[in-house]
Amino acid sequence: MMNLYSGTTCPFSHRCRIVLYEKQMDFQVIDVDLFNKPEDIAVINPYNRVPVLVDRDLVLYEANIINEYIDERFPHPQLMPPDPQTRARARQLLFTMEHELFSYIDPLEKNAKSADKARAHVRD
């Protein structure tokens, strides 16, 4: 069984959870307190971040790498488009979403002044 070390408020962790659920995989979520991480996270991920996927003796970190691995290892149902050009466009969309949308999540969580500014920017 695969283990996914995941932060409950981490959007990257949520992306991995969604992929695993869509693939109907048998996996265990290990919720990690992002403000008080257990030492094992630093041992298995040199960047000390989540998500981290442990599949037997394979340890993967970073959401895009984890999701590509899952989609390639378990091809049905296929989540990425089959042809290279459309797949590249899908990856570009994920990249844009990651950089444009996810950049506002931290400010929304941290303090009210930053949250108001982030909300206004997203609305515009």
PDB file of N, CA and C in Angstrom:
ATOM      1  N   MET A   1       0.840  -1.180   0.000  1.00  0.00           N
ATOM      2  CA  MET A   1       0.000   0.000   0.000  1.00  0.00           C
ATOM      3  C   MET A   1       0.884   1.242   0.000  1.00  0.00           C
ATOM      4  N   MET A   2       0.460   2.237  -0.749  1.00  0.00           N
ATOM      5  CA  MET A   2       1.199   3.493  -0.819  1.00  0.00           C
ATOM      6  C   MET A   2       0.810   4.396   0.348  1.00  0.00           C
ATOM      7  N   ASN A   3       1.773   5.176   0.811  1.00  0.00           N
ATOM      8  CA  ASN A   3       1.528   6.182   1.844  1.00  0.00           C
ATOM      9  C   ASN A   3       1.775   7.557   1.242  1.00  0.00           C
ATOM     10  N   LEU A   4       0.829   8.455   1.474  1.00  0.00           N
ATOM     11  CA  LEU A   4       0.979   9.835   1.031  1.00  0.00           C
ATOM     12  C   LEU A   4       1.050  10.720   2.258  1.00  0.00           C
ATOM     13  N   TYR A   5       2.220  11.321   2.472  1.00  0.00           N
ATOM     14  CA  TYR A   5       2.376  12.316   3.533  1.00  0.00           C
ATOM     15  C   TYR A   5       1.831  13.615   2.963  1.00  0.00           C
ATOM     16  N   SER A   6       0.845  14.168   3.644  1.00  0.00           N
ATOM     17  CA  SER A   6       0.060  15.237   3.057  1.00  0.00           C
ATOM     18  C   SER A   6      -0.299  16.282   4.101  1.00  0.00           C
ATOM     19  N   GLY A   7      -0.258  17.543   3.702  1.00  0.00           N
ATOM     20  CA  GLY A   7      -0.710  18.619   4.576  1.00  0.00           C
ATOM     21  C   GLY A   7      -2.180  18.903   4.319  1.00  0.00           C
ATOM     22  N   THR A   8      -2.953  19.052   5.371  1.00  0.00           N
ATOM     23  CA  THR A   8      -4.396  19.251   5.198  1.00  0.00           C
ATOM     24  C   THR A   8      -4.730  20.565   4.501  1.00  0.00           C
ATOM     25  N   THR A   9      -3.852  21.550   4.591  1.00  0.00           N
ATOM     26  CA  THR A   9      -4.108  22.830   3.926  1.00  0.00           C
ATOM     27  C   THR A   9      -3.186  23.068   2.732  1.00  0.00           C
ATOM     28  N   CYS A  10      -2.438  22.063   2.344  1.00  0.00           N
ATOM     29  CA  CYS A  10      -1.469  22.204   1.249  1.00  0.00           C
ATOM     30  C   CYS A  10      -2.134  21.890  -0.096  1.00  0.00           C
ATOM     31  N   PRO A  11      -2.229  22.867  -1.006  1.00  0.00           N
ATOM     32  CA  PRO A  11      -2.879  22.611  -2.291  1.00  0.00           C
ATOM     33  C   PRO A  11      -2.149  21.570  -3.133  1.00  0.00           C
ATOM     34  N   PHE A  12      -0.847  21.468  -2.983  1.00  0.00           N
ATOM     35  CA  PHE A  12      -0.084  20.476  -3.732  1.00  0.00           C
ATOM     36  C   PHE A  12      -0.420  19.070  -3.242  1.00  0.00           C
ATOM     37  N   SER A  13      -0.579  18.925  -1.934  1.00  0.00           N
ATOM     38  CA  SER A  13      -1.002  17.646  -1.365  1.00  0.00           C
ATOM     39  C   SER A  13      -2.394  17.276  -1.858  1.00  0.00           C
ATOM     40  N   HIS A  14      -3.268  18.264  -1.947  1.00  0.00           N
ATOM     41  CA  HIS A  14      -4.632  17.992  -2.409  1.00  0.00           C
ATOM     42  C   HIS A  14      -4.633  17.501  -3.850  1.00  0.00           C
ATOM     43  N   ARG A  15      -3.753  18.040  -4.669  1.00  0.00           N
ATOM     44  CA  ARG A  15      -3.661  17.564  -6.059  1.00  0.00           C
ATOM     45  C   ARG A  15      -3.303  16.088  -6.095  1.00  0.00           C
ATOM     46  N   CYS A  16      -2.373  15.674  -5.242  1.00  0.00           N
ATOM     47  CA  CYS A  16      -1.989  14.258  -5.201  1.00  0.00           C
ATOM     48  C   CYS A  16      -3.132  13.393  -4.694  1.00  0.00           C
ATOM     49  N   ARG A  17      -3.830  13.868  -3.688  1.00  0.00           N
ATOM     50  CA  ARG A  17      -4.987  13.117  -3.175  1.00  0.00           C
ATOM     51  C   ARG A  17      -6.027  12.931  -4.276  1.00  0.00           C
ATOM     52  N   ILE A  18      -6.301  13.987  -5.016  1.00  0.00           N
ATOM     53  CA  ILE A  18      -7.292  13.908  -6.094  1.00  0.00           C
ATOM     54  C   ILE A  18      -6.881  12.859  -7.117  1.00  0.00           C
ATOM     55  N   VAL A  19      -5.616  12.873  -7.529  1.00  0.00           N
ATOM     56  CA  VAL A  19      -5.136  11.902  -8.516  1.00  0.00           C
ATOM     57  C   VAL A  19      -5.277  10.480  -7.975  1.00  0.00           C
ATOM     58  N   LEU A  20      -4.879  10.257  -6.739  1.00  0.00           N
ATOM     59  CA  LEU A  20      -4.991   8.915  -6.153  1.00  0.00           C
ATOM     60  C   LEU A  20      -6.449   8.465  -6.061  1.00  0.00           C
ATOM     61  N   TYR A  21      -7.335   9.357  -5.678  1.00  0.00           N
ATOM     62  CA  TYR A  21      -8.759   9.006  -5.611  1.00  0.00           C
ATOM     63  C   TYR A  21      -9.323   8.739  -7.002  1.00  0.00           C
ATOM     64  N   GLU A  22      -8.953   9.556  -7.984  1.00  0.00           N
ATOM     65  CA  GLU A  22      -9.440   9.353  -9.351  1.00  0.00           C
ATOM     66  C   GLU A  22      -8.969   8.013  -9.915  1.00  0.00           C
ATOM     67  N   LYS A  23      -7.776   7.616  -9.536  1.00  0.00           N
ATOM     68  CA  LYS A  23      -7.230   6.329  -9.984  1.00  0.00           C
ATOM     69  C   LYS A  23      -7.784   5.164  -9.161  1.00  0.00           C
ATOM     70  N   GLN A  24      -8.550   5.486  -8.120  1.00  0.00           N
ATOM     71  CA  GLN A  24      -9.127   4.488  -7.217  1.00  0.00           C
ATOM     72  C   GLN A  24      -8.040   3.598  -6.617  1.00  0.00           C
ATOM     73  N   MET A  25      -6.969   4.243  -6.179  1.00  0.00           N
ATOM     74  CA  MET A  25      -5.824   3.534  -5.617  1.00  0.00           C
ATOM     75  C   MET A  25      -6.058   3.209  -4.145  1.00  0.00           C
ATOM     76  N   ASP A  26      -5.405   2.141  -3.709  1.00  0.00           N
ATOM     77  CA  ASP A  26      -5.393   1.778  -2.300  1.00  0.00           C
ATOM     78  C   ASP A  26      -4.198   2.501  -1.682  1.00  0.00           C
ATOM     79  N   PHE A  27      -4.473   3.510  -0.868  1.00  0.00           N
ATOM     80  CA  PHE A  27      -3.392   4.287  -0.277  1.00  0.00           C
ATOM     81  C   PHE A  27      -3.821   4.804   1.079  1.00  0.00           C
ATOM     82  N   GLN A  28      -2.828   5.174   1.858  1.00  0.00           N
ATOM     83  CA  GLN A  28      -3.079   5.733   3.179  1.00  0.00           C
ATOM     84  C   GLN A  28      -2.564   7.164   3.198  1.00  0.00           C
ATOM     85  N   VAL A  29      -3.388   8.062   3.706  1.00  0.00           N
ATOM     86  CA  VAL A  29      -2.974   9.454   3.876  1.00  0.00           C
ATOM     87  C   VAL A  29      -2.439   9.620   5.287  1.00  0.00           C
ATOM     88  N   ILE A  30      -1.245  10.157   5.373  1.00  0.00           N
ATOM     89  CA  ILE A  30      -0.652  10.485   6.666  1.00  0.00           C
ATOM     90  C   ILE A  30      -0.648  12.008   6.749  1.00  0.00           C
ATOM     91  N   ASP A  31      -1.590  12.537   7.531  1.00  0.00           N
ATOM     92  CA  ASP A  31      -1.698  13.990   7.669  1.00  0.00           C
ATOM     93  C   ASP A  31      -0.517  14.535   8.454  1.00  0.00           C
ATOM     94  N   VAL A  32       0.080  15.577   7.921  1.00  0.00           N
ATOM     95  CA  VAL A  32       1.255  16.193   8.519  1.00  0.00           C
ATOM     96  C   VAL A  32       0.887  17.610   8.950  1.00  0.00           C
ATOM     97  N   ASP A  33       1.183  17.928  10.190  1.00  0.00           N
ATOM     98  CA  ASP A  33       1.010  19.291  10.688  1.00  0.00           C
ATOM     99  C   ASP A  33       2.131  20.132  10.080  1.00  0.00           C
ATOM    100  N   LEU A  34       1.773  21.036   9.195  1.00  0.00           N
ATOM    101  CA  LEU A  34       2.783  21.808   8.466  1.00  0.00           C
ATOM    102  C   LEU A  34       3.597  22.730   9.359  1.00  0.00           C
ATOM    103  N   PHE A  35       3.079  23.042  10.542  1.00  0.00           N
ATOM    104  CA  PHE A  35       3.797  23.930  11.457  1.00  0.00           C
ATOM    105  C   PHE A  35       4.569  23.162  12.522  1.00  0.00           C
ATOM    106  N   ASN A  36       4.428  21.851  12.518  1.00  0.00           N
ATOM    107  CA  ASN A  36       5.128  21.001  13.477  1.00  0.00           C
ATOM    108  C   ASN A  36       5.375  19.647  12.813  1.00  0.00           C
ATOM    109  N   LYS A  37       6.216  19.650  11.784  1.00  0.00           N
ATOM    110  CA  LYS A  37       6.433  18.441  10.991  1.00  0.00           C
ATOM    111  C   LYS A  37       7.216  17.397  11.774  1.00  0.00           C
ATOM    112  N   PRO A  38       6.831  16.129  11.611  1.00  0.00           N
ATOM    113  CA  PRO A  38       7.614  15.065  12.239  1.00  0.00           C
ATOM    114  C   PRO A  38       8.983  14.952  11.566  1.00  0.00           C
ATOM    115  N   GLU A  39       9.933  14.416  12.287  1.00  0.00           N
ATOM    116  CA  GLU A  39      11.302  14.308  11.761  1.00  0.00           C
ATOM    117  C   GLU A  39      11.389  13.431  10.521  1.00  0.00           C
ATOM    118  N   ASP A  40      10.474  12.458  10.376  1.00  0.00           N
ATOM    119  CA  ASP A  40      10.590  11.566   9.217  1.00  0.00           C
ATOM    120  C   ASP A  40      10.439  12.302   7.897  1.00  0.00           C
ATOM    121  N   ILE A  41       9.748  13.427   7.879  1.00  0.00           N
ATOM    122  CA  ILE A  41       9.604  14.169   6.621  1.00  0.00           C
ATOM    123  C   ILE A  41      10.971  14.646   6.140  1.00  0.00           C
ATOM    124  N   ALA A  42      11.772  15.197   7.023  1.00  0.00           N
ATOM    125  CA  ALA A  42      13.116  15.661   6.648  1.00  0.00           C
ATOM    126  C   ALA A  42      14.010  14.499   6.246  1.00  0.00           C
ATOM    127  N   VAL A  43      13.758  13.325   6.797  1.00  0.00           N
ATOM    128  CA  VAL A  43      14.563  12.146   6.454  1.00  0.00           C
ATOM    129  C   VAL A  43      14.227  11.666   5.043  1.00  0.00           C
ATOM    130  N   ILE A  44      12.935  11.657   4.689  1.00  0.00           N
ATOM    131  CA  ILE A  44      12.554  11.119   3.379  1.00  0.00           C
ATOM    132  C   ILE A  44      12.510  12.176   2.278  1.00  0.00           C
ATOM    133  N   ASN A  45      12.458  13.449   2.647  1.00  0.00           N
ATOM    134  CA  ASN A  45      12.457  14.521   1.652  1.00  0.00           C
ATOM    135  C   ASN A  45      13.489  15.570   2.060  1.00  0.00           C
ATOM    136  N   PRO A  46      14.554  15.723   1.291  1.00  0.00           N
ATOM    137  CA  PRO A  46      15.603  16.671   1.668  1.00  0.00           C
ATOM    138  C   PRO A  46      15.122  18.122   1.742  1.00  0.00           C
ATOM    139  N   TYR A  47      13.958  18.413   1.167  1.00  0.00           N
ATOM    140  CA  TYR A  47      13.412  19.769   1.222  1.00  0.00           C
ATOM    141  C   TYR A  47      12.435  19.946   2.377  1.00  0.00           C
ATOM    142  N   ASN A  48      12.175  18.855   3.109  1.00  0.00           N
ATOM    143  CA  ASN A  48      11.323  18.878   4.307  1.00  0.00           C
ATOM    144  C   ASN A  48       9.933  19.456   4.019  1.00  0.00           C
ATOM    145  N   ARG A  49       9.348  19.017   2.883  1.00  0.00           N
ATOM    146  CA  ARG A  49       8.025  19.512   2.488  1.00  0.00           C
ATOM    147  C   ARG A  49       7.121  18.339   2.136  1.00  0.00           C
ATOM    148  N   VAL A  50       5.839  18.617   2.109  1.00  0.00           N
ATOM    149  CA  VAL A  50       4.862  17.655   1.615  1.00  0.00           C
ATOM    150  C   VAL A  50       4.306  18.206   0.305  1.00  0.00           C
ATOM    151  N   PRO A  51       3.797  17.334  -0.536  1.00  0.00           N
ATOM    152  CA  PRO A  51       3.521  15.919  -0.357  1.00  0.00           C
ATOM    153  C   PRO A  51       4.749  15.049  -0.596  1.00  0.00           C
ATOM    154  N   VAL A  52       4.693  13.864   0.018  1.00  0.00           N
ATOM    155  CA  VAL A  52       5.688  12.817  -0.212  1.00  0.00           C
ATOM    156  C   VAL A  52       4.917  11.520  -0.398  1.00  0.00           C
ATOM    157  N   LEU A  53       5.251  10.785  -1.450  1.00  0.00           N
ATOM    158  CA  LEU A  53       4.634   9.486  -1.700  1.00  0.00           C
ATOM    159  C   LEU A  53       5.664   8.404  -1.442  1.00  0.00           C
ATOM    160  N   VAL A  54       5.284   7.407  -0.651  1.00  0.00           N
ATOM    161  CA  VAL A  54       6.141   6.246  -0.411  1.00  0.00           C
ATOM    162  C   VAL A  54       5.415   5.040  -0.991  1.00  0.00           C
ATOM    163  N   ASP A  55       6.025   4.440  -2.004  1.00  0.00           N
ATOM    164  CA  ASP A  55       5.477   3.254  -2.663  1.00  0.00           C
ATOM    165  C   ASP A  55       6.534   2.160  -2.569  1.00  0.00           C
ATOM    166  N   ARG A  56       6.401   1.325  -1.547  1.00  0.00           N
ATOM    167  CA  ARG A  56       7.391   0.297  -1.206  1.00  0.00           C
ATOM    168  C   ARG A  56       8.746   0.955  -0.949  1.00  0.00           C
ATOM    169  N   ASP A  57       9.732   0.700  -1.825  1.00  0.00           N
ATOM    170  CA  ASP A  57      11.067   1.271  -1.593  1.00  0.00           C
ATOM    171  C   ASP A  57      11.296   2.571  -2.377  1.00  0.00           C
ATOM    172  N   LEU A  58      10.268   3.055  -3.048  1.00  0.00           N
ATOM    173  CA  LEU A  58      10.374   4.292  -3.822  1.00  0.00           C
ATOM    174  C   LEU A  58       9.792   5.452  -3.020  1.00  0.00           C
ATOM    175  N   VAL A  59      10.558   6.522  -2.907  1.00  0.00           N
ATOM    176  CA  VAL A  59      10.096   7.734  -2.225  1.00  0.00           C
ATOM    177  C   VAL A  59      10.130   8.875  -3.239  1.00  0.00           C
ATOM    178  N   LEU A  60       8.977   9.509  -3.437  1.00  0.00           N
ATOM    179  CA  LEU A  60       8.881  10.633  -4.367  1.00  0.00           C
ATOM    180  C   LEU A  60       8.347  11.855  -3.640  1.00  0.00           C
ATOM    181  N   TYR A  61       8.866  13.012  -4.004  1.00  0.00           N
ATOM    182  CA  TYR A  61       8.351  14.263  -3.468  1.00  0.00           C
ATOM    183  C   TYR A  61       8.145  15.224  -4.626  1.00  0.00           C
ATOM    184  N   GLU A  62       7.338  16.230  -4.388  1.00  0.00           N
ATOM    185  CA  GLU A  62       6.879  17.226  -5.357  1.00  0.00           C
ATOM    186  C   GLU A  62       5.658  16.672  -6.106  1.00  0.00           C
ATOM    187  N   ALA A  63       4.584  17.429  -6.046  1.00  0.00           N
ATOM    188  CA  ALA A  63       3.281  16.987  -6.552  1.00  0.00           C
ATOM    189  C   ALA A  63       3.306  16.575  -8.018  1.00  0.00           C
ATOM    190  N   ASN A  64       3.943  17.354  -8.873  1.00  0.00           N
ATOM    191  CA  ASN A  64       3.951  17.017 -10.301  1.00  0.00           C
ATOM    192  C   ASN A  64       4.626  15.679 -10.558  1.00  0.00           C
ATOM    193  N   ILE A  65       5.729  15.422  -9.883  1.00  0.00           N
ATOM    194  CA  ILE A  65       6.454  14.164 -10.057  1.00  0.00           C
ATOM    195  C   ILE A  65       5.610  13.003  -9.546  1.00  0.00           C
ATOM    196  N   ILE A  66       5.007  13.174  -8.385  1.00  0.00           N
ATOM    197  CA  ILE A  66       4.146  12.136  -7.808  1.00  0.00           C
ATOM    198  C   ILE A  66       2.986  11.833  -8.751  1.00  0.00           C
ATOM    199  N   ASN A  67       2.319  12.860  -9.233  1.00  0.00           N
ATOM    200  CA  ASN A  67       1.147  12.656 -10.083  1.00  0.00           C
ATOM    201  C   ASN A  67       1.497  12.023 -11.422  1.00  0.00           C
ATOM    202  N   GLU A  68       2.607  12.415 -12.020  1.00  0.00           N
ATOM    203  CA  GLU A  68       3.027  11.785 -13.273  1.00  0.00           C
ATOM    204  C   GLU A  68       3.367  10.319 -13.050  1.00  0.00           C
ATOM    205  N   TYR A  69       4.043  10.017 -11.961  1.00  0.00           N
ATOM    206  CA  TYR A  69       4.377   8.629 -11.635  1.00  0.00           C
ATOM    207  C   TYR A  69       3.105   7.790 -11.501  1.00  0.00           C
ATOM    208  N   ILE A  70       2.142   8.288 -10.752  1.00  0.00           N
ATOM    209  CA  ILE A  70       0.900   7.538 -10.531  1.00  0.00           C
ATOM    210  C   ILE A  70       0.169   7.326 -11.855  1.00  0.00           C
ATOM    211  N   ASP A  71       0.082   8.368 -12.675  1.00  0.00           N
ATOM    212  CA  ASP A  71      -0.632   8.252 -13.947  1.00  0.00           C
ATOM    213  C   ASP A  71       0.064   7.286 -14.900  1.00  0.00           C
ATOM    214  N   GLU A  72       1.391   7.241 -14.875  1.00  0.00           N
ATOM    215  CA  GLU A  72       2.126   6.334 -15.757  1.00  0.00           C
ATOM    216  C   GLU A  72       2.153   4.905 -15.214  1.00  0.00           C
ATOM    217  N   ARG A  73       2.281   4.755 -13.910  1.00  0.00           N
ATOM    218  CA  ARG A  73       2.352   3.406 -13.323  1.00  0.00           C
ATOM    219  C   ARG A  73       1.005   2.703 -13.365  1.00  0.00           C
ATOM    220  N   PHE A  74      -0.057   3.460 -13.202  1.00  0.00           N
ATOM    221  CA  PHE A  74      -1.411   2.904 -13.202  1.00  0.00           C
ATOM    222  C   PHE A  74      -2.185   3.603 -14.322  1.00  0.00           C
ATOM    223  N   PRO A  75      -2.073   3.092 -15.552  1.00  0.00           N
ATOM    224  CA  PRO A  75      -2.563   3.825 -16.715  1.00  0.00           C
ATOM    225  C   PRO A  75      -4.086   3.939 -16.863  1.00  0.00           C
ATOM    226  N   HIS A  76      -4.846   3.213 -16.062  1.00  0.00           N
ATOM    227  CA  HIS A  76      -6.308   3.269 -16.222  1.00  0.00           C
ATOM    228  C   HIS A  76      -6.967   3.716 -14.937  1.00  0.00           C
ATOM    229  N   PRO A  77      -7.846   4.696 -14.964  1.00  0.00           N
ATOM    230  CA  PRO A  77      -8.153   5.552 -16.109  1.00  0.00           C
ATOM    231  C   PRO A  77      -7.029   6.558 -16.350  1.00  0.00           C
ATOM    232  N   GLN A  78      -6.789   6.842 -17.599  1.00  0.00           N
ATOM    233  CA  GLN A  78      -5.738   7.787 -17.963  1.00  0.00           C
ATOM    234  C   GLN A  78      -6.206   9.203 -17.638  1.00  0.00           C
ATOM    235  N   LEU A  79      -5.393   9.937 -16.901  1.00  0.00           N
ATOM    236  CA  LEU A  79      -5.768  11.294 -16.500  1.00  0.00           C
ATOM    237  C   LEU A  79      -5.209  12.360 -17.430  1.00  0.00           C
ATOM    238  N   MET A  80      -4.055  12.105 -18.004  1.00  0.00           N
ATOM    239  CA  MET A  80      -3.469  13.069 -18.940  1.00  0.00           C
ATOM    240  C   MET A  80      -3.856  12.668 -20.361  1.00  0.00           C
ATOM    241  N   PRO A  81      -3.978  13.645 -21.255  1.00  0.00           N
ATOM    242  CA  PRO A  81      -4.322  13.337 -22.645  1.00  0.00           C
ATOM    243  C   PRO A  81      -3.275  12.418 -23.283  1.00  0.00           C
ATOM    244  N   PRO A  82      -3.703  11.592 -24.246  1.00  0.00           N
ATOM    245  CA  PRO A  82      -2.781  10.610 -24.826  1.00  0.00           C
ATOM    246  C   PRO A  82      -1.736  11.184 -25.785  1.00  0.00           C
ATOM    247  N   ASP A  83      -2.069  12.282 -26.487  1.00  0.00           N
ATOM    248  CA  ASP A  83      -1.098  12.782 -27.466  1.00  0.00           C
ATOM    249  C   ASP A  83      -0.194  13.847 -26.838  1.00  0.00           C
ATOM    250  N   PRO A  84       1.060  13.905 -27.285  1.00  0.00           N
ATOM    251  CA  PRO A  84       2.057  14.787 -26.666  1.00  0.00           C
ATOM    252  C   PRO A  84       1.684  16.271 -26.669  1.00  0.00           C
ATOM    253  N   GLN A  85       1.085  16.754 -27.747  1.00  0.00           N
ATOM    254  CA  GLN A  85       0.773  18.182 -27.832  1.00  0.00           C
ATOM    255  C   GLN A  85      -0.306  18.575 -26.813  1.00  0.00           C
ATOM    256  N   THR A  86      -1.355  17.800 -26.723  1.00  0.00           N
ATOM    257  CA  THR A  86      -2.426  18.102 -25.770  1.00  0.00           C
ATOM    258  C   THR A  86      -1.947  17.891 -24.340  1.00  0.00           C
ATOM    259  N   ARG A  87      -1.120  16.881 -24.134  1.00  0.00           N
ATOM    260  CA  ARG A  87      -0.544  16.629 -22.806  1.00  0.00           C
ATOM    261  C   ARG A  87       0.337  17.806 -22.379  1.00  0.00           C
ATOM    262  N   ALA A  88       1.115  18.340 -23.319  1.00  0.00           N
ATOM    263  CA  ALA A  88       1.958  19.506 -23.010  1.00  0.00           C
ATOM    264  C   ALA A  88       1.094  20.710 -22.640  1.00  0.00           C
ATOM    265  N   ARG A  89      -0.014  20.892 -23.334  1.00  0.00           N
ATOM    266  CA  ARG A  89      -0.927  21.997 -22.997  1.00  0.00           C
ATOM    267  C   ARG A  89      -1.526  21.804 -21.605  1.00  0.00           C
ATOM    268  N   ALA A  90      -1.867  20.566 -21.274  1.00  0.00           N
ATOM    269  CA  ALA A  90      -2.413  20.282 -19.935  1.00  0.00           C
ATOM    270  C   ALA A  90      -1.370  20.591 -18.868  1.00  0.00           C
ATOM    271  N   ARG A  91      -0.122  20.211 -19.119  1.00  0.00           N
ATOM    272  CA  ARG A  91       0.955  20.510 -18.163  1.00  0.00           C
ATOM    273  C   ARG A  91       1.171  22.018 -18.036  1.00  0.00           C
ATOM    274  N   GLN A  92       1.064  22.724 -19.152  1.00  0.00           N
ATOM    275  CA  GLN A  92       1.201  24.185 -19.129  1.00  0.00           C
ATOM    276  C   GLN A  92       0.094  24.808 -18.283  1.00  0.00           C
ATOM    277  N   LEU A  93      -1.127  24.286 -18.419  1.00  0.00           N
ATOM    278  CA  LEU A  93      -2.250  24.777 -17.620  1.00  0.00           C
ATOM    279  C   LEU A  93      -2.007  24.521 -16.132  1.00  0.00           C
ATOM    280  N   LEU A  94      -1.506  23.340 -15.792  1.00  0.00           N
ATOM    281  CA  LEU A  94      -1.181  23.035 -14.394  1.00  0.00           C
ATOM    282  C   LEU A  94      -0.107  23.986 -13.866  1.00  0.00           C
ATOM    283  N   PHE A  95       0.897  24.251 -14.680  1.00  0.00           N
ATOM    284  CA  PHE A  95       1.966  25.175 -14.289  1.00  0.00           C
ATOM    285  C   PHE A  95       1.398  26.571 -14.031  1.00  0.00           C
ATOM    286  N   THR A  96       0.549  27.036 -14.947  1.00  0.00           N
ATOM    287  CA  THR A  96      -0.061  28.358 -14.797  1.00  0.00           C
ATOM    288  C   THR A  96      -0.904  28.421 -13.534  1.00  0.00           C
ATOM    289  N   MET A  97      -1.706  27.394 -13.307  1.00  0.00           N
ATOM    290  CA  MET A  97      -2.542  27.353 -12.111  1.00  0.00           C
ATOM    291  C   MET A  97      -1.677  27.388 -10.854  1.00  0.00           C
ATOM    292  N   GLU A  98      -0.607  26.621 -10.874  1.00  0.00           N
ATOM    293  CA  GLU A  98       0.307  26.559  -9.731  1.00  0.00           C
ATOM    294  C   GLU A  98       0.911  27.929  -9.430  1.00  0.00           C
ATOM    295  N   HIS A  99       1.323  28.640 -10.455  1.00  0.00           N
ATOM    296  CA  HIS A  99       2.005  29.914 -10.246  1.00  0.00           C
ATOM    297  C   HIS A  99       1.062  31.106 -10.100  1.00  0.00           C
ATOM    298  N   GLU A 100      -0.065  31.054 -10.762  1.00  0.00           N
ATOM    299  CA  GLU A 100      -0.987  32.186 -10.704  1.00  0.00           C
ATOM    300  C   GLU A 100      -1.967  32.078  -9.539  1.00  0.00           C
ATOM    301  N   LEU A 101      -2.525  30.911  -9.325  1.00  0.00           N
ATOM    302  CA  LEU A 101      -3.553  30.749  -8.299  1.00  0.00           C
ATOM    303  C   LEU A 101      -2.971  30.380  -6.944  1.00  0.00           C
ATOM    304  N   PHE A 102      -2.088  29.395  -6.922  1.00  0.00           N
ATOM    305  CA  PHE A 102      -1.559  28.911  -5.649  1.00  0.00           C
ATOM    306  C   PHE A 102      -0.713  29.954  -4.932  1.00  0.00           C
ATOM    307  N   SER A 103      -0.188  30.925  -5.660  1.00  0.00           N
ATOM    308  CA  SER A 103       0.640  31.950  -5.017  1.00  0.00           C
ATOM    309  C   SER A 103      -0.167  32.808  -4.043  1.00  0.00           C
ATOM    310  N   TYR A 104      -1.493  32.763  -4.145  1.00  0.00           N
ATOM    311  CA  TYR A 104      -2.339  33.556  -3.254  1.00  0.00           C
ATOM    312  C   TYR A 104      -2.794  32.782  -2.021  1.00  0.00           C
ATOM    313  N   ILE A 105      -2.533  31.503  -1.974  1.00  0.00           N
ATOM    314  CA  ILE A 105      -3.005  30.698  -0.849  1.00  0.00           C
ATOM    315  C   ILE A 105      -2.258  31.038   0.431  1.00  0.00           C
ATOM    316  N   ASP A 106      -0.940  31.131   0.381  1.00  0.00           N
ATOM    317  CA  ASP A 106      -0.169  31.477   1.585  1.00  0.00           C
ATOM    318  C   ASP A 106      -0.633  32.790   2.205  1.00  0.00           C
ATOM    319  N   PRO A 107      -0.726  33.876   1.422  1.00  0.00           N
ATOM    320  CA  PRO A 107      -1.191  35.130   2.023  1.00  0.00           C
ATOM    321  C   PRO A 107      -2.600  35.023   2.619  1.00  0.00           C
ATOM    322  N   LEU A 108      -3.467  34.237   1.984  1.00  0.00           N
ATOM    323  CA  LEU A 108      -4.823  34.077   2.512  1.00  0.00           C
ATOM    324  C   LEU A 108      -4.812  33.404   3.875  1.00  0.00           C
ATOM    325  N   GLU A 109      -3.855  32.512   4.085  1.00  0.00           N
ATOM    326  CA  GLU A 109      -3.786  31.772   5.342  1.00  0.00           C
ATOM    327  C   GLU A 109      -3.046  32.527   6.432  1.00  0.00           C
ATOM    328  N   LYS A 110      -2.138  33.432   6.066  1.00  0.00           N
ATOM    329  CA  LYS A 110      -1.223  33.989   7.061  1.00  0.00           C
ATOM    330  C   LYS A 110      -1.759  35.196   7.815  1.00  0.00           C
ATOM    331  N   ASN A 111      -2.214  36.224   7.130  1.00  0.00           N
ATOM    332  CA  ASN A 111      -2.717  37.384   7.877  1.00  0.00           C
ATOM    333  C   ASN A 111      -3.787  38.135   7.089  1.00  0.00           C
ATOM    334  N   ALA A 112      -4.598  38.874   7.797  1.00  0.00           N
ATOM    335  CA  ALA A 112      -5.771  39.524   7.217  1.00  0.00           C
ATOM    336  C   ALA A 112      -5.410  40.559   6.154  1.00  0.00           C
ATOM    337  N   LYS A 113      -4.364  41.358   6.388  1.00  0.00           N
ATOM    338  CA  LYS A 113      -3.992  42.401   5.430  1.00  0.00           C
ATOM    339  C   LYS A 113      -3.553  41.773   4.103  1.00  0.00           C
ATOM    340  N   SER A 114      -2.698  40.769   4.176  1.00  0.00           N
ATOM    341  CA  SER A 114      -2.267  40.068   2.965  1.00  0.00           C
ATOM    342  C   SER A 114      -3.439  39.365   2.303  1.00  0.00           C
ATOM    343  N   ALA A 115      -4.339  38.816   3.110  1.00  0.00           N
ATOM    344  CA  ALA A 115      -5.502  38.106   2.578  1.00  0.00           C
ATOM    345  C   ALA A 115      -6.392  39.044   1.772  1.00  0.00           C
ATOM    346  N   ASP A 116      -6.634  40.248   2.285  1.00  0.00           N
ATOM    347  CA  ASP A 116      -7.459  41.218   1.564  1.00  0.00           C
ATOM    348  C   ASP A 116      -6.823  41.601   0.231  1.00  0.00           C
ATOM    349  N   LYS A 117      -5.523  41.798   0.241  1.00  0.00           N
ATOM    350  CA  LYS A 117      -4.804  42.151  -0.983  1.00  0.00           C
ATOM    351  C   LYS A 117      -4.867  40.998  -1.993  1.00  0.00           C
ATOM    352  N   ALA A 118      -4.668  39.762  -1.526  1.00  0.00           N
ATOM    353  CA  ALA A 118      -4.708  38.593  -2.403  1.00  0.00           C
ATOM    354  C   ALA A 118      -6.107  38.402  -2.990  1.00  0.00           C
ATOM    355  N   ARG A 119      -7.138  38.556  -2.166  1.00  0.00           N
ATOM    356  CA  ARG A 119      -8.518  38.419  -2.655  1.00  0.00           C
ATOM    357  C   ARG A 119      -8.812  39.452  -3.748  1.00  0.00           C
ATOM    358  N   ALA A 120      -8.391  40.686  -3.523  1.00  0.00           N
ATOM    359  CA  ALA A 120      -8.622  41.741  -4.511  1.00  0.00           C
ATOM    360  C   ALA A 120      -7.910  41.424  -5.817  1.00  0.00           C
ATOM    361  N   HIS A 121      -6.698  40.926  -5.739  1.00  0.00           N
ATOM    362  CA  HIS A 121      -5.929  40.598  -6.942  1.00  0.00           C
ATOM    363  C   HIS A 121      -6.589  39.455  -7.708  1.00  0.00           C
ATOM    364  N   VAL A 122      -7.077  38.441  -7.000  1.00  0.00           N
ATOM    365  CA  VAL A 122      -7.729  37.305  -7.653  1.00  0.00           C
ATOM    366  C   VAL A 122      -9.018  37.757  -8.331  1.00  0.00           C
ATOM    367  N   ARG A 123      -9.768  38.645  -7.694  1.00  0.00           N
ATOM    368  CA  ARG A 123     -11.021  39.142  -8.282  1.00  0.00           C
ATOM    369  C   ARG A 123     -10.766  39.942  -9.554  1.00  0.00           C
ATOM    370  N   ASP A 124      -9.651  40.698  -9.567  1.00  0.00           N
ATOM    371  CA  ASP A 124      -9.331  41.517 -10.742  1.00  0.00           C
ATOM    372  C   ASP A 124      -8.909  40.614 -11.869  1.00  0.00           C
TER     373      ASP A 124
END
